[in-house]
C-alpha atoms as a PDB file:
ATOM      1  CA  MET A   1      63.994  65.517  74.691  1.00  0.00           C
ATOM      2  CA  SER A   2      66.454  63.810  72.911  1.00  0.00           C
ATOM      3  CA  PRO A   3      70.009  62.986  74.373  1.00  0.00           C
ATOM      4  CA  LEU A   4      73.221  64.658  73.456  1.00  0.00           C
ATOM      5  CA  VAL A   5      73.249  62.551  70.435  1.00  0.00           C
ATOM      6  CA  GLY A   6      73.504  63.499  66.838  1.00  0.00           C
ATOM      7  CA  LEU A   7      73.333  66.903  66.710  1.00  0.00           C
ATOM      8  CA  ALA A   8      72.010  68.724  63.373  1.00  0.00           C
ATOM      9  CA  PRO A   9      73.948  71.029  60.785  1.00  0.00           C
ATOM     10  CA  LEU A  10      70.908  72.944  61.011  1.00  0.00           C
ATOM     11  CA  PHE A  11      71.108  74.146  65.124  1.00  0.00           C
ATOM     12  CA  ILE A  12      72.357  77.435  65.998  1.00  0.00           C
ATOM     13  CA  PRO A  13      76.736  77.471  67.507  1.00  0.00           C
ATOM     14  CA  SER A  14      77.357  78.737  70.407  1.00  0.00           C
ATOM     15  CA  PRO A  15      79.984  81.699  70.102  1.00  0.00           C
ATOM     16  CA  SER A  16      83.416  80.155  70.987  1.00  0.00           C
ATOM     17  CA  GLN A  17      84.469  83.051  72.935  1.00  0.00           C
ATOM     18  CA  ASN A  18      83.002  86.273  73.906  1.00  0.00           C
ATOM     19  CA  VAL A  19      86.069  88.307  74.940  1.00  0.00           C
ATOM     20  CA  TRP A  20      89.145  89.320  72.936  1.00  0.00           C
ATOM     21  CA  HIS A  21      92.025  91.585  74.153  1.00  0.00           C
ATOM     22  CA  LEU A  22      93.450  94.540  72.769  1.00  0.00           C
ATOM     23  CA  GLY A  23      96.546  94.294  74.441  1.00  0.00           C
ATOM     24  CA  PRO A  24      95.499  94.737  77.979  1.00  0.00           C
ATOM     25  CA  LEU A  25      92.418  95.967  76.877  1.00  0.00           C
ATOM     26  CA  PRO A  26      89.124  93.488  77.266  1.00  0.00           C
ATOM     27  CA  ILE A  27      87.072  93.577  74.717  1.00  0.00           C
ATOM     28  CA  ARG A  28      83.639  92.017  75.460  1.00  0.00           C
ATOM     29  CA  ALA A  29      80.506  90.802  73.499  1.00  0.00           C
ATOM     30  CA  TYR A  30      78.523  91.454  75.356  1.00  0.00           C
ATOM     31  CA  ALA A  31      78.705  95.417  76.275  1.00  0.00           C
ATOM     32  CA  LEU A  32      80.008  95.865  72.360  1.00  0.00           C
ATOM     33  CA  CYS A  33      75.982  94.292  71.985  1.00  0.00           C
ATOM     34  CA  ILE A  34      74.780  97.296  73.969  1.00  0.00           C
ATOM     35  CA  ILE A  35      76.590  99.638  72.802  1.00  0.00           C
ATOM     36  CA  ALA A  36      75.275  98.717  68.968  1.00  0.00           C
ATOM     37  CA  GLY A  37      72.151  98.802  70.321  1.00  0.00           C
ATOM     38  CA  ILE A  38      72.160 102.030  71.990  1.00  0.00           C
ATOM     39  CA  VAL A  39      73.320 103.507  68.468  1.00  0.00           C
ATOM     40  CA  VAL A  40      70.573 101.872  66.486  1.00  0.00           C
ATOM     41  CA  GLY A  41      68.462 102.873  68.566  1.00  0.00           C
ATOM     42  CA  MET A  42      69.585 106.199  69.542  1.00  0.00           C
ATOM     43  CA  VAL A  43      69.245 106.626  64.686  1.00  0.00           C
ATOM     44  CA  ILE A  44      65.472 105.089  64.749  1.00  0.00           C
ATOM     45  CA  ALA A  45      64.558 107.741  67.598  1.00  0.00           C
ATOM     46  CA  THR A  46      66.462 111.157  65.711  1.00  0.00           C
ATOM     47  CA  ARG A  47      64.707 110.197  62.712  1.00  0.00           C
ATOM     48  CA  ARG A  48      61.451 110.212  64.666  1.00  0.00           C
ATOM     49  CA  TRP A  49      62.345 112.759  66.596  1.00  0.00           C
ATOM     50  CA  ARG A  50      62.965 114.977  64.176  1.00  0.00           C
ATOM     51  CA  ALA A  51      59.891 114.293  62.148  1.00  0.00           C
ATOM     52  CA  ARG A  52      58.016 115.571  65.568  1.00  0.00           C
ATOM     53  CA  GLY A  53      59.659 118.960  65.472  1.00  0.00           C
ATOM     54  CA  GLY A  54      62.176 118.310  67.560  1.00  0.00           C
ATOM     55  CA  THR A  55      66.073 118.955  67.412  1.00  0.00           C
ATOM     56  CA  SER A  56      68.838 116.239  67.551  1.00  0.00           C
ATOM     57  CA  ASP A  57      70.522 118.420  69.798  1.00  0.00           C
ATOM     58  CA  GLY A  58      67.205 118.766  72.226  1.00  0.00           C
ATOM     59  CA  LEU A  59      67.128 114.400  71.722  1.00  0.00           C
ATOM     60  CA  GLU A  60      71.313 113.809  72.080  1.00  0.00           C
ATOM     61  CA  SER A  61      71.138 116.118  76.033  1.00  0.00           C
ATOM     62  CA  VAL A  62      68.814 113.748  76.965  1.00  0.00           C
ATOM     63  CA  VAL A  63      70.795 110.895  75.812  1.00  0.00           C
ATOM     64  CA  VAL A  64      73.912 111.430  77.406  1.00  0.00           C
ATOM     65  CA  LEU A  65      72.076 111.324  81.086  1.00  0.00           C
ATOM     66  CA  ALA A  66      69.311 108.338  79.628  1.00  0.00           C
ATOM     67  CA  VAL A  67      71.692 105.874  78.532  1.00  0.00           C
ATOM     68  CA  PRO A  68      74.043 106.059  81.630  1.00  0.00           C
ATOM     69  CA  PHE A  69      70.515 105.785  84.272  1.00  0.00           C
ATOM     70  CA  GLY A  70      69.187 103.236  82.084  1.00  0.00           C
ATOM     71  CA  ILE A  71      72.218 101.144  82.934  1.00  0.00           C
ATOM     72  CA  VAL A  72      72.482 102.162  86.363  1.00  0.00           C
ATOM     73  CA  GLY A  73      68.264 100.965  86.503  1.00  0.00           C
ATOM     74  CA  ALA A  74      69.053  97.588  84.370  1.00  0.00           C
ATOM     75  CA  ARG A  75      71.527  96.525  87.108  1.00  0.00           C
ATOM     76  CA  ILE A  76      69.949  97.352  90.256  1.00  0.00           C
ATOM     77  CA  TYR A  77      67.005  95.592  89.311  1.00  0.00           C
ATOM     78  CA  HIS A  78      69.086  92.911  88.323  1.00  0.00           C
ATOM     79  CA  VAL A  79      70.514  92.291  91.706  1.00  0.00           C
ATOM     80  CA  ILE A  80      67.746  93.002  93.970  1.00  0.00           C
ATOM     81  CA  THR A  81      65.505  90.262  92.107  1.00  0.00           C
ATOM     82  CA  ASP A  82      68.623  87.916  92.232  1.00  0.00           C
ATOM     83  CA  TYR A  83      70.111  89.251  95.415  1.00  0.00           C
ATOM     84  CA  GLU A  84      71.497  85.501  96.058  1.00  0.00           C
ATOM     85  CA  LEU A  85      73.544  85.532  93.635  1.00  0.00           C
ATOM     86  CA  TYR A  86      75.843  88.246  95.695  1.00  0.00           C
ATOM     87  CA  PHE A  87      75.005  88.510  98.972  1.00  0.00           C
ATOM     88  CA  GLY A  88      75.241  85.501 101.483  1.00  0.00           C
ATOM     89  CA  PRO A  89      77.806  82.560 102.578  1.00  0.00           C
ATOM     90  CA  GLY A  90      79.736  81.787  99.919  1.00  0.00           C
ATOM     91  CA  ARG A  91      79.149  84.777  98.180  1.00  0.00           C
ATOM     92  CA  ASN A  92      81.513  87.631  96.999  1.00  0.00           C
ATOM     93  CA  PRO A  93      78.912  91.499  97.224  1.00  0.00           C
ATOM     94  CA  VAL A  94      81.515  92.806  95.022  1.00  0.00           C
ATOM     95  CA  ASP A  95      80.112  91.021  92.170  1.00  0.00           C
ATOM     96  CA  ALA A  96      77.716  92.869  91.955  1.00  0.00           C
ATOM     97  CA  LEU A  97      79.245  95.789  90.602  1.00  0.00           C
ATOM     98  CA  LYS A  98      81.236  93.629  87.712  1.00  0.00           C
ATOM     99  CA  ILE A  99      78.100  94.851  85.206  1.00  0.00           C
ATOM    100  CA  TRP A 100      79.902  92.522  82.357  1.00  0.00           C
ATOM    101  CA  GLN A 101      79.540  89.418  83.396  1.00  0.00           C
ATOM    102  CA  GLY A 102      76.000  89.966  82.498  1.00  0.00           C
ATOM    103  CA  GLY A 103      72.946  90.712  84.922  1.00  0.00           C
ATOM    104  CA  LEU A 104      70.749  93.425  83.587  1.00  0.00           C
ATOM    105  CA  GLY A 105      66.730  93.878  83.852  1.00  0.00           C
ATOM    106  CA  ILE A 106      64.920  95.306  81.403  1.00  0.00           C
ATOM    107  CA  TRP A 107      62.322  96.585  84.045  1.00  0.00           C
ATOM    108  CA  GLY A 108      65.228  98.870  85.579  1.00  0.00           C
ATOM    109  CA  ALA A 109      66.293  99.989  82.354  1.00  0.00           C
ATOM    110  CA  VAL A 110      63.333 101.270  80.585  1.00  0.00           C
ATOM    111  CA  ALA A 111      62.524 102.927  84.381  1.00  0.00           C
ATOM    112  CA  PHE A 112      65.653 104.960  84.902  1.00  0.00           C
ATOM    113  CA  GLY A 113      65.856 105.792  81.681  1.00  0.00           C
ATOM    114  CA  ALA A 114      62.556 107.218  81.968  1.00  0.00           C
ATOM    115  CA  LEU A 115      63.832 109.192  84.660  1.00  0.00           C
ATOM    116  CA  GLY A 116      67.103 110.603  83.450  1.00  0.00           C
ATOM    117  CA  GLY A 117      64.974 111.606  80.605  1.00  0.00           C
ATOM    118  CA  TRP A 118      62.520 112.842  81.833  1.00  0.00           C
ATOM    119  CA  LEU A 119      65.021 115.008  84.005  1.00  0.00           C
ATOM    120  CA  VAL A 120      66.557 116.405  81.007  1.00  0.00           C
ATOM    121  CA  ALA A 121      62.964 117.777  79.414  1.00  0.00           C
ATOM    122  CA  ARG A 122      62.071 119.047  82.498  1.00  0.00           C
ATOM    123  CA  ARG A 123      65.106 121.184  82.143  1.00  0.00           C
ATOM    124  CA  ARG A 124      64.711 121.833  78.151  1.00  0.00           C
ATOM    125  CA  GLY A 125      61.592 122.391  78.302  1.00  0.00           C
ATOM    126  CA  ILE A 126      60.389 119.255  76.268  1.00  0.00           C
ATOM    127  CA  ARG A 127      56.911 117.791  76.407  1.00  0.00           C
ATOM    128  CA  PHE A 128      57.652 113.847  77.578  1.00  0.00           C
ATOM    129  CA  PRO A 129      55.503 112.017  76.435  1.00  0.00           C
ATOM    130  CA  ALA A 130      56.479 113.439  72.866  1.00  0.00           C
ATOM    131  CA  LEU A 131      59.457 112.133  73.984  1.00  0.00           C
ATOM    132  CA  LEU A 132      58.513 108.556  74.673  1.00  0.00           C
ATOM    133  CA  ASP A 133      56.644 108.376  71.466  1.00  0.00           C
ATOM    134  CA  ALA A 134      59.402 109.046  69.502  1.00  0.00           C
ATOM    135  CA  CYS A 135      62.204 106.963  71.316  1.00  0.00           C
ATOM    136  CA  ALA A 136      59.592 103.632  71.884  1.00  0.00           C
ATOM    137  CA  PRO A 137      60.316 101.609  68.842  1.00  0.00           C
ATOM    138  CA  GLY A 138      64.586 102.707  68.766  1.00  0.00           C
ATOM    139  CA  ILE A 139      64.396 101.126  72.549  1.00  0.00           C
ATOM    140  CA  ALA A 140      62.666  97.757  71.501  1.00  0.00           C
ATOM    141  CA  VAL A 141      64.929  97.633  68.359  1.00  0.00           C
ATOM    142  CA  ALA A 142      67.518  98.107  71.187  1.00  0.00           C
ATOM    143  CA  GLN A 143      66.518  95.842  73.468  1.00  0.00           C
ATOM    144  CA  GLY A 144      66.457  93.177  70.695  1.00  0.00           C
ATOM    145  CA  ILE A 145      69.924  93.605  69.410  1.00  0.00           C
ATOM    146  CA  GLY A 146      71.178  93.671  73.261  1.00  0.00           C
ATOM    147  CA  ARG A 147      70.281  90.473  73.872  1.00  0.00           C
ATOM    148  CA  LEU A 148      72.849  89.150  71.256  1.00  0.00           C
ATOM    149  CA  GLY A 149      75.333  89.353  74.570  1.00  0.00           C
ATOM    150  CA  ASN A 150      73.032  86.661  76.123  1.00  0.00           C
ATOM    151  CA  TRP A 151      74.239  84.692  73.052  1.00  0.00           C
ATOM    152  CA  PHE A 152      77.541  85.621  73.335  1.00  0.00           C
ATOM    153  CA  ASN A 153      77.176  84.926  76.887  1.00  0.00           C
ATOM    154  CA  SER A 154      75.685  81.257  76.742  1.00  0.00           C
ATOM    155  CA  GLU A 155      72.782  82.410  79.160  1.00  0.00           C
ATOM    156  CA  LEU A 156      69.904  82.881  79.503  1.00  0.00           C
ATOM    157  CA  PHE A 157      68.591  80.328  77.414  1.00  0.00           C
ATOM    158  CA  GLY A 158      65.368  77.779  77.068  1.00  0.00           C
ATOM    159  CA  ARG A 159      64.521  74.400  77.766  1.00  0.00           C
ATOM    160  CA  PRO A 160      65.919  71.426  75.323  1.00  0.00           C
ATOM    161  CA  THR A 161      64.338  71.566  72.237  1.00  0.00           C
ATOM    162  CA  THR A 162      64.963  69.082  69.105  1.00  0.00           C
ATOM    163  CA  LEU A 163      63.985  71.968  66.867  1.00  0.00           C
ATOM    164  CA  PRO A 164      65.858  72.869  63.495  1.00  0.00           C
ATOM    165  CA  TRP A 165      66.591  76.340  65.406  1.00  0.00           C
ATOM    166  CA  GLY A 166      67.873  74.992  68.668  1.00  0.00           C
ATOM    167  CA  LEU A 167      71.018  76.480  70.255  1.00  0.00           C
ATOM    168  CA  GLU A 168      74.030  74.202  71.021  1.00  0.00           C
ATOM    169  CA  ILE A 169      74.798  75.330  74.287  1.00  0.00           C
ATOM    170  CA  ASP A 170      78.287  73.803  75.743  1.00  0.00           C
ATOM    171  CA  ALA A 171      78.065  71.280  78.455  1.00  0.00           C
ATOM    172  CA  ARG A 172      80.046  73.905  80.900  1.00  0.00           C
ATOM    173  CA  PHE A 173      76.792  75.784  80.916  1.00  0.00           C
ATOM    174  CA  ARG A 174      74.127  74.397  81.202  1.00  0.00           C
ATOM    175  CA  PRO A 175      71.342  73.703  83.890  1.00  0.00           C
ATOM    176  CA  VAL A 176      71.735  70.809  86.905  1.00  0.00           C
ATOM    177  CA  GLY A 177      69.238  68.435  85.718  1.00  0.00           C
ATOM    178  CA  PHE A 178      69.538  69.523  82.093  1.00  0.00           C
ATOM    179  CA  GLU A 179      73.585  68.548  81.536  1.00  0.00           C
ATOM    180  CA  GLN A 180      72.493  65.433  78.835  1.00  0.00           C
ATOM    181  CA  TYR A 181      70.262  67.993  76.501  1.00  0.00           C
ATOM    182  CA  ALA A 182      72.843  69.564  73.474  1.00  0.00           C
ATOM    183  CA  THR A 183      70.742  71.874  72.351  1.00  0.00           C
ATOM    184  CA  PHE A 184      67.729  74.704  73.430  1.00  0.00           C
ATOM    185  CA  HIS A 185      65.106  77.060  73.150  1.00  0.00           C
ATOM    186  CA  PRO A 186      67.415  80.450  71.723  1.00  0.00           C
ATOM    187  CA  THR A 187      65.306  82.680  73.977  1.00  0.00           C
ATOM    188  CA  PHE A 188      67.719  85.349  72.598  1.00  0.00           C
ATOM    189  CA  LEU A 189      66.500  84.923  69.405  1.00  0.00           C
ATOM    190  CA  TYR A 190      62.902  84.603  69.918  1.00  0.00           C
ATOM    191  CA  GLU A 191      63.036  87.900  72.155  1.00  0.00           C
ATOM    192  CA  LEU A 192      65.109  89.789  69.150  1.00  0.00           C
ATOM    193  CA  ILE A 193      62.292  88.557  66.661  1.00  0.00           C
ATOM    194  CA  TRP A 194      59.562  89.781  69.214  1.00  0.00           C
ATOM    195  CA  ASP A 195      61.614  93.376  69.837  1.00  0.00           C
ATOM    196  CA  VAL A 196      61.605  94.193  66.161  1.00  0.00           C
ATOM    197  CA  LEU A 197      58.243  93.138  65.303  1.00  0.00           C
ATOM    198  CA  VAL A 198      57.480  95.641  68.328  1.00  0.00           C
ATOM    199  CA  ALA A 199      58.787  98.351  66.883  1.00  0.00           C
ATOM    200  CA  VAL A 200      57.383  97.400  63.628  1.00  0.00           C
ATOM    201  CA  VAL A 201      54.212  97.445  64.714  1.00  0.00           C
ATOM    202  CA  VAL A 202      54.110 100.480  66.365  1.00  0.00           C
ATOM    203  CA  ILE A 203      55.602 102.352  64.037  1.00  0.00           C
ATOM    204  CA  LEU A 204      52.581 101.415  61.530  1.00  0.00           C
ATOM    205  CA  LEU A 205      49.878 102.334  64.274  1.00  0.00           C
ATOM    206  CA  ASP A 206      51.662 105.661  64.747  1.00  0.00           C
ATOM    207  CA  ARG A 207      51.885 106.208  61.334  1.00  0.00           C
ATOM    208  CA  ARG A 208      48.375 105.091  60.383  1.00  0.00           C
ATOM    209  CA  PHE A 209      45.999 106.511  63.402  1.00  0.00           C
ATOM    210  CA  ARG A 210      48.887 109.988  63.991  1.00  0.00           C
ATOM    211  CA  LEU A 211      49.321 108.855  67.644  1.00  0.00           C
ATOM    212  CA  GLY A 212      51.018 111.154  70.385  1.00  0.00           C
ATOM    213  CA  HIS A 213      50.311 111.547  74.411  1.00  0.00           C
ATOM    214  CA  GLY A 214      52.679 108.893  75.359  1.00  0.00           C
ATOM    215  CA  LYS A 215      50.249 106.356  73.406  1.00  0.00           C
ATOM    216  CA  VAL A 216      53.523 104.753  71.239  1.00  0.00           C
ATOM    217  CA  PHE A 217      55.282 104.326  74.127  1.00  0.00           C
ATOM    218  CA  THR A 218      52.759 102.499  76.085  1.00  0.00           C
ATOM    219  CA  LEU A 219      51.707  99.943  73.146  1.00  0.00           C
ATOM    220  CA  TYR A 220      55.769  99.164  73.247  1.00  0.00           C
ATOM    221  CA  VAL A 221      55.221  98.544  76.710  1.00  0.00           C
ATOM    222  CA  LEU A 222      51.862  96.139  76.180  1.00  0.00           C
ATOM    223  CA  PHE A 223      53.510  94.665  73.447  1.00  0.00           C
ATOM    224  CA  TYR A 224      56.372  94.074  74.621  1.00  0.00           C
ATOM    225  CA  THR A 225      55.396  92.431  77.984  1.00  0.00           C
ATOM    226  CA  LEU A 226      53.145  90.276  76.419  1.00  0.00           C
ATOM    227  CA  GLY A 227      55.944  88.860  74.418  1.00  0.00           C
ATOM    228  CA  ARG A 228      58.102  88.674  77.356  1.00  0.00           C
ATOM    229  CA  PHE A 229      55.305  86.606  79.066  1.00  0.00           C
ATOM    230  CA  TRP A 230      55.653  83.648  76.714  1.00  0.00           C
ATOM    231  CA  ILE A 231      59.574  84.326  76.831  1.00  0.00           C
ATOM    232  CA  GLU A 232      60.364  83.953  80.120  1.00  0.00           C
ATOM    233  CA  ALA A 233      58.206  81.383  80.706  1.00  0.00           C
ATOM    234  CA  LEU A 234      60.537  79.215  78.479  1.00  0.00           C
ATOM    235  CA  ARG A 235      63.707  79.808  80.130  1.00  0.00           C
ATOM    236  CA  ILE A 236      65.147  77.134  82.658  1.00  0.00           C
ATOM    237  CA  ASP A 237      67.951  79.516  84.273  1.00  0.00           C
ATOM    238  CA  THR A 238      68.256  79.977  88.007  1.00  0.00           C
ATOM    239  CA  VAL A 239      65.719  82.444  89.869  1.00  0.00           C
ATOM    240  CA  ASN A 240      63.069  83.433  92.041  1.00  0.00           C
ATOM    241  CA  GLU A 241      59.940  82.091  91.496  1.00  0.00           C
ATOM    242  CA  ILE A 242      56.000  83.116  93.472  1.00  0.00           C
ATOM    243  CA  GLY A 243      53.611  80.074  93.630  1.00  0.00           C
ATOM    244  CA  GLY A 244      55.838  78.639  90.569  1.00  0.00           C
ATOM    245  CA  PHE A 245      56.116  81.656  88.635  1.00  0.00           C
ATOM    246  CA  ARG A 246      59.258  83.231  87.343  1.00  0.00           C
ATOM    247  CA  LEU A 247      59.111  86.945  89.015  1.00  0.00           C
ATOM    248  CA  ASN A 248      59.443  88.168  85.929  1.00  0.00           C
ATOM    249  CA  ASN A 249      56.311  86.918  84.795  1.00  0.00           C
ATOM    250  CA  TYR A 250      54.716  88.249  87.552  1.00  0.00           C
ATOM    251  CA  THR A 251      56.860  91.579  86.237  1.00  0.00           C
ATOM    252  CA  SER A 252      55.440  91.331  83.164  1.00  0.00           C
ATOM    253  CA  VAL A 253      51.455  91.211  83.887  1.00  0.00           C
ATOM    254  CA  ILE A 254      51.453  93.339  86.292  1.00  0.00           C
ATOM    255  CA  VAL A 255      53.336  96.184  83.870  1.00  0.00           C
ATOM    256  CA  PHE A 256      50.875  95.166  81.323  1.00  0.00           C
ATOM    257  CA  VAL A 257      47.691  95.533  82.981  1.00  0.00           C
ATOM    258  CA  GLY A 258      49.265  99.155  83.509  1.00  0.00           C
ATOM    259  CA  ALA A 259      50.175  99.701  80.656  1.00  0.00           C
ATOM    260  CA  ALA A 260      46.461  98.620  79.137  1.00  0.00           C
ATOM    261  CA  LEU A 261      44.978 101.200  81.607  1.00  0.00           C
ATOM    262  CA  VAL A 262      47.218 103.861  81.278  1.00  0.00           C
ATOM    263  CA  LEU A 263      46.365 103.641  77.326  1.00  0.00           C
ATOM    264  CA  ALA A 264      43.150 103.633  77.689  1.00  0.00           C
ATOM    265  CA  TRP A 265      42.974 106.879  79.493  1.00  0.00           C
ATOM    266  CA  LEU A 266      45.177 108.158  77.139  1.00  0.00           C
ATOM    267  CA  VAL A 267      42.802 107.269  74.201  1.00  0.00           C
ATOM    268  CA  LYS A 268      39.778 108.871  75.915  1.00  0.00           C
ATOM    269  CA  ASN A 269      41.260 111.813  76.787  1.00  0.00           C
ATOM    270  CA  ARG A 270      44.389 113.007  74.478  1.00  0.00           C
ATOM    271  CA  PRO A 271      43.240 112.428  70.959  1.00  0.00           C
ATOM    272  CA  GLY A 272      45.331 113.499  68.808  1.00  0.00           C
ATOM    273  CA  ARG A 273      49.462 113.969  68.692  1.00  0.00           C
ATOM    274  CA  GLU A 274      51.397 116.742  70.197  1.00  0.00           C
ATOM    275  CA  THR A 275      52.839 119.395  67.705  1.00  0.00           C
ATOM    276  CA  VAL A 276      55.268 121.603  69.647  1.00  0.00           C
ATOM    277  CA  VAL A 277      57.338 119.285  70.799  1.00  0.00           C
ATOM    278  CA  GLU A 278      60.338 121.481  72.422  1.00  0.00           C
ATOM    279  CA  ARG A 279      61.092 124.566  73.189  1.00  0.00           C
ATOM    280  CA  PRO A 280      63.881 126.246  72.170  1.00  0.00           C
ATOM    281  CA  VAL A 281      67.046 127.207  74.740  1.00  0.00           C
ATOM    282  CA  PRO A 282      67.779 130.930  74.733  1.00  0.00           C
ATOM    283  CA  VAL A 283      70.861 131.995  74.473  1.00  0.00           C
ATOM    284  CA  GLU A 284      70.846 134.245  76.956  1.00  0.00           C
ATOM    285  CA  ALA A 285      69.513 133.060  80.270  1.00  0.00           C
ATOM    286  CA  GLY A 286      66.111 135.121  81.830  1.00  0.00           C
ATOM    287  CA  SER A 287      64.027 134.098  84.733  1.00  0.00           C
ATOM    288  CA  ALA A 288      62.237 131.125  84.715  1.00  0.00           C
ATOM    289  CA  THR A 289      58.344 131.316  83.887  1.00  0.00           C
ATOM    290  CA  GLU A 290      55.906 129.142  85.545  1.00  0.00           C
ATOM    291  CA  ASP A 291      55.434 126.451  82.901  1.00  0.00           C
ATOM    292  CA  GLY A 292      59.088 126.055  83.092  1.00  0.00           C
ATOM    293  CA  THR A 293      60.049 128.131  80.174  1.00  0.00           C
ATOM    294  CA  ASP A 294      62.791 131.224  79.796  1.00  0.00           C
ATOM    295  CA  ALA A 295      61.322 134.663  79.676  1.00  0.00           C
ATOM    296  CA  GLY A 296      63.734 135.372  77.025  1.00  0.00           C
ATOM    297  CA  THR A 297      61.888 132.366  74.684  1.00  0.00           C
ATOM    298  CA  THR A 298      59.366 134.419  72.780  1.00  0.00           C
ATOM    299  CA  GLU A 299      56.409 132.620  71.095  1.00  0.00           C
ATOM    300  CA  ALA A 300      58.013 133.524  67.756  1.00  0.00           C
ATOM    301  CA  ASP A 301      60.983 131.840  68.879  1.00  0.00           C
ATOM    302  CA  ALA A 302      59.195 128.848  69.741  1.00  0.00           C
ATOM    303  CA  GLU A 303      57.767 128.854  66.437  1.00  0.00           C
ATOM    304  CA  SER A 304      60.786 130.119  64.521  1.00  0.00           C
ATOM    305  CA  GLU A 305      62.552 126.730  66.145  1.00  0.00           C
ATOM    306  CA  VAL A 306      59.718 124.102  65.215  1.00  0.00           C
ATOM    307  CA  GLU A 307      59.615 125.356  61.083  1.00  0.00           C
ATOM    308  CA  THR A 308      63.839 125.427  61.164  1.00  0.00           C
ATOM    309  CA  SER A 309      63.594 121.748  62.921  1.00  0.00           C
ATOM    310  CA  THR A 310      60.731 120.742  60.822  1.00  0.00           C
ATOM    311  CA  ALA A 311      62.690 122.000  57.215  1.00  0.00           C
ATOM    312  CA  GLU A 312      65.675 120.328  58.542  1.00  0.00           C
ATOM    313  CA  SER A 313      63.651 116.888  58.789  1.00  0.00           C
ATOM    314  CA  PRO A 314      62.747 113.842  56.385  1.00  0.00           C
ATOM    315  CA  GLU A 315      59.692 114.314  54.634  1.00  0.00           C
ATOM    316  CA  THR A 316      57.525 111.686  56.670  1.00  0.00           C
ATOM    317  CA  GLU A 317      53.950 111.060  57.554  1.00  0.00           C
ATOM    318  CA  ASP A 318      54.904 112.077  60.959  1.00  0.00           C
ATOM    319  CA  ALA A 319      56.588 115.098  60.243  1.00  0.00           C
ATOM    320  CA  VAL A 320      54.845 118.591  61.652  1.00  0.00           C
ATOM    321  CA  GLU A 321      52.944 120.479  59.554  1.00  0.00           C
ATOM    322  CA  PRO A 322      54.132 124.351  60.104  1.00  0.00           C
ATOM    323  CA  GLY A 323      50.809 126.895  60.794  1.00  0.00           C
ATOM    324  CA  ARG A 324      49.491 124.729  62.271  1.00  0.00           C
ATOM    325  CA  PRO A 325      48.383 125.629  66.634  1.00  0.00           C
ATOM    326  CA  ARG A 326      49.865 124.841  69.338  1.00  0.00           C
ATOM    327  CA  ALA A 327      48.596 121.703  71.288  1.00  0.00           C
ATOM    328  CA  GLU A 328      48.516 121.052  75.253  1.00  0.00           C
ATOM    329  CA  GLY A 329      50.391 118.531  76.034  1.00  0.00           C
END
């Protein structure tokens, strides 16, 4: 690797600042990137959900709980796996609450976000696997956009490199032992590109094979962990290791194997795609039935709701076909 000499103009510069002030209110780039990712992901998920026969109202009710659950879960995962940053001699545990300083683990975000989504889906009679399939590409794109926050914070970059797309890092942000290097692998960019590719691939596979019952989401997890293992191996930020491998590398392998097993089971036991994915919320409250639907909701009501939502959704290959029988999820 070459030391800090003769920087090429093609190198990616780091932003000069990551926070702006609107009066006394700080506007942080990290937060803006996360918000932008959520918005774009929501747009993608809404389009796919409506094409499957769901309603925008149903998806919005899920997102209201899934997003805060995901953010809390992401922070919890980060604090647990990097506990030495917040607890112990010379550390301030209060810093664990300062989410704006960076530190979100996607593993915790997806797990807790899915938990929040499941709680709402169960209450509203939404088929959760179908919901996951609709949201999967949007989640991938949201992750990629959120990674731009690492760029603004000059954090989580990779090993030194002299490649034209190397990322320039100011001396104050270089880890110990790498002070003499100026440009590093832009892992934020690698993950952004990989996440977008994952979203495109799972959408194309879904259109080609009309996947359902959680297979789209499982494919997203499978592909993401594959790329994350490689990207994680490039990073040089200080983290906990086991046997010379970063903790997130182990997480990637475990989740990858788990997703592969789940996908194999789904392909064998859950062919095709669900048709009716969301039951309407009745106007008048009634008693709940054993499967979670309201006693005041009739089969005719459910079919009417699906036909209405399908008519409102854009014409795509994923659109629910009116008149098809209800499939079991």
